[in-house]
Every structure is written in C-alpha cells, then in structure tokens.
C-alpha cells in the first residue's frame, strides 16, 4: 500500500485553513504554491504548509482527513499549535535547495 499524508495549508494572514490528503507531500505543496490547479487553495492563496501527519497507508490518511475536515476551526488550530505554534511554513525545508534562475 501507498503511504499517505494529511496536511493543512493557510494563507499569509492565517485567515483560512485548507485540509488535504496526498501520497506525495512535497509535490502537492509545490502544486499549491504554484497555483497549478483551480480550487480553494488557489482562490484563497493558501500557500503555507502549517501542519502535516504521515500515515502508513493512504486509506488511513483519507480517513484522518475526513475526521479533521468534520471538526471545527478551533480543533484545526489546536492541531497546528501543538507542532507549529508560530504557524511558520514547514515546506521551506522541501524547497531550500532548489536553484531559482
């Protein structure tokens, strides 16, 4: 089975939270940052990864995503604050070594 990741992204001012699931977190965050797809993250400029959790199987990640999405914003904020109280962009480590022309 494929591994999975549940993740939350927000915008510059932390006013919206997007919860998603993927099997390739680095690639998916890159897609959000570069506004590859139409949708919520593009519309609301969600380009900052503030929380993620790995799962051994993608099905477990999907179940966790549904659980988080059904919860309140307060619950999402609590999850983020547990591991990232300053709401910094956790994806900076992914892209640190890229050469930008």
Protein backbone atom coordinates (compact mmCIF):
# COMPACT_ATOMS: atom_id res chain seq x y z
CA UNK A 1 0.00 0.00 0.00
CA UNK A 2 0.99 3.60 -0.59
CA UNK A 3 1.94 5.92 2.25
CA UNK A 4 -0.18 9.00 2.73
CA UNK A 5 -0.08 12.44 4.25
CA UNK A 6 -2.78 14.65 5.70
CA UNK A 7 -1.83 18.32 5.66
CA UNK A 8 -3.13 21.80 6.38
CA UNK A 9 -2.25 24.94 4.50
CA UNK A 10 -3.13 28.55 5.14
CA UNK A 11 -2.64 31.97 3.61
CA UNK A 12 -0.26 34.78 4.59
CA UNK A 13 -2.56 36.09 7.34
CA UNK A 14 -3.67 32.64 8.61
CA UNK A 15 -7.30 33.51 7.98
CA UNK A 16 -8.27 30.32 6.13
CA UNK A 17 -7.25 26.70 6.64
CA UNK A 18 -7.27 24.09 3.88
CA UNK A 19 -7.06 20.40 4.79
CA UNK A 20 -5.92 17.92 2.16
CA UNK A 21 -4.52 14.44 1.61
CA UNK A 22 -1.80 13.22 -0.75
CA UNK A 23 0.67 10.43 -1.34
CA UNK A 24 3.46 12.91 -2.23
CA UNK A 25 3.51 15.86 0.16
CA UNK A 26 6.42 17.73 -1.41
CA UNK A 27 4.92 17.59 -4.89
CA UNK A 28 1.43 18.54 -3.69
CA UNK A 29 2.67 21.55 -1.72
CA UNK A 30 4.67 22.67 -4.76
CA UNK A 31 1.45 22.46 -6.83
CA UNK A 32 -0.42 24.60 -4.28
CA UNK A 33 2.37 27.18 -4.12
CA UNK A 34 2.47 27.44 -7.90
CA UNK A 35 -1.33 27.52 -8.24
CA UNK A 36 -1.33 24.57 -10.66
CA UNK A 37 -4.97 23.62 -10.05
CA UNK A 38 -8.15 25.63 -9.77
CA UNK A 39 -9.79 25.40 -6.39
CA UNK A 40 -9.85 26.55 -2.79
CA UNK A 41 -6.10 26.97 -2.27
CA UNK A 42 -5.69 29.00 -5.44
CA UNK A 43 -8.73 31.15 -4.73
CA UNK A 44 -7.70 31.92 -1.13
CA UNK A 45 -3.90 31.98 -1.69
CA UNK A 46 -3.21 29.07 0.64
CA UNK A 47 0.48 28.54 0.06
CA UNK A 48 1.89 27.99 3.55
CA UNK A 49 2.14 24.44 4.92
CA UNK A 50 1.49 24.68 8.66
CA UNK A 51 0.72 21.08 9.67
CA UNK A 52 1.10 17.56 8.32
CA UNK A 53 0.88 14.00 9.52
CA UNK A 54 2.17 10.85 7.83
CA UNK A 55 0.16 7.64 7.62
CA UNK A 56 1.35 4.15 6.72
CA UNK A 57 -1.47 3.76 4.20
CA UNK A 58 -3.27 6.29 2.02
CA UNK A 59 -6.61 4.92 3.23
CA UNK A 60 -5.69 5.86 6.80
CA UNK A 61 -4.70 9.34 5.63
CA UNK A 62 -8.04 9.76 3.86
CA UNK A 63 -9.92 8.72 7.00
CA UNK A 64 -7.90 11.18 9.09
CA UNK A 65 -8.54 13.97 6.56
CA UNK A 66 -12.29 13.37 6.80
CA UNK A 67 -12.09 13.44 10.60
CA UNK A 68 -10.20 16.75 10.59
CA UNK A 69 -12.46 18.33 7.95
CA UNK A 70 -15.55 17.46 10.00
CA UNK A 71 -14.11 19.26 13.02
CA UNK A 72 -14.20 22.93 13.91
CA UNK A 73 -11.63 25.57 13.05
CA UNK A 74 -10.70 25.60 16.75
CA UNK A 75 -9.78 21.91 16.55
CA UNK A 76 -7.65 22.54 13.45
CA UNK A 77 -5.91 25.44 15.16
CA UNK A 78 -5.17 23.21 18.17
CA UNK A 79 -3.53 20.59 15.93
CA UNK A 80 -1.41 23.25 14.26
CA UNK A 81 -0.45 24.93 17.54
CA UNK A 82 0.74 21.61 19.01
CA UNK A 83 3.53 21.26 16.46
CA UNK A 84 3.82 24.72 14.93
CA UNK A 85 2.80 27.47 17.39
CA UNK A 86 4.27 30.22 15.19
CA UNK A 87 2.50 28.94 12.08
CA UNK A 88 5.70 29.02 10.03
CA UNK A 89 5.83 27.47 6.57
CA UNK A 90 7.02 23.92 7.18
CA UNK A 91 7.62 23.38 3.47
CA UNK A 92 10.59 25.74 3.33
CA UNK A 93 12.81 22.76 4.09
CA UNK A 94 11.47 20.99 0.96
CA UNK A 95 12.47 23.77 -1.41
CA UNK A 96 15.58 25.16 0.26
CA UNK A 97 17.98 23.52 -2.20
CA UNK A 98 16.19 24.43 -5.39
CA UNK A 99 18.05 26.73 -7.76
CA UNK A 100 15.87 29.59 -8.91
CA UNK A 101 17.05 31.44 -12.06
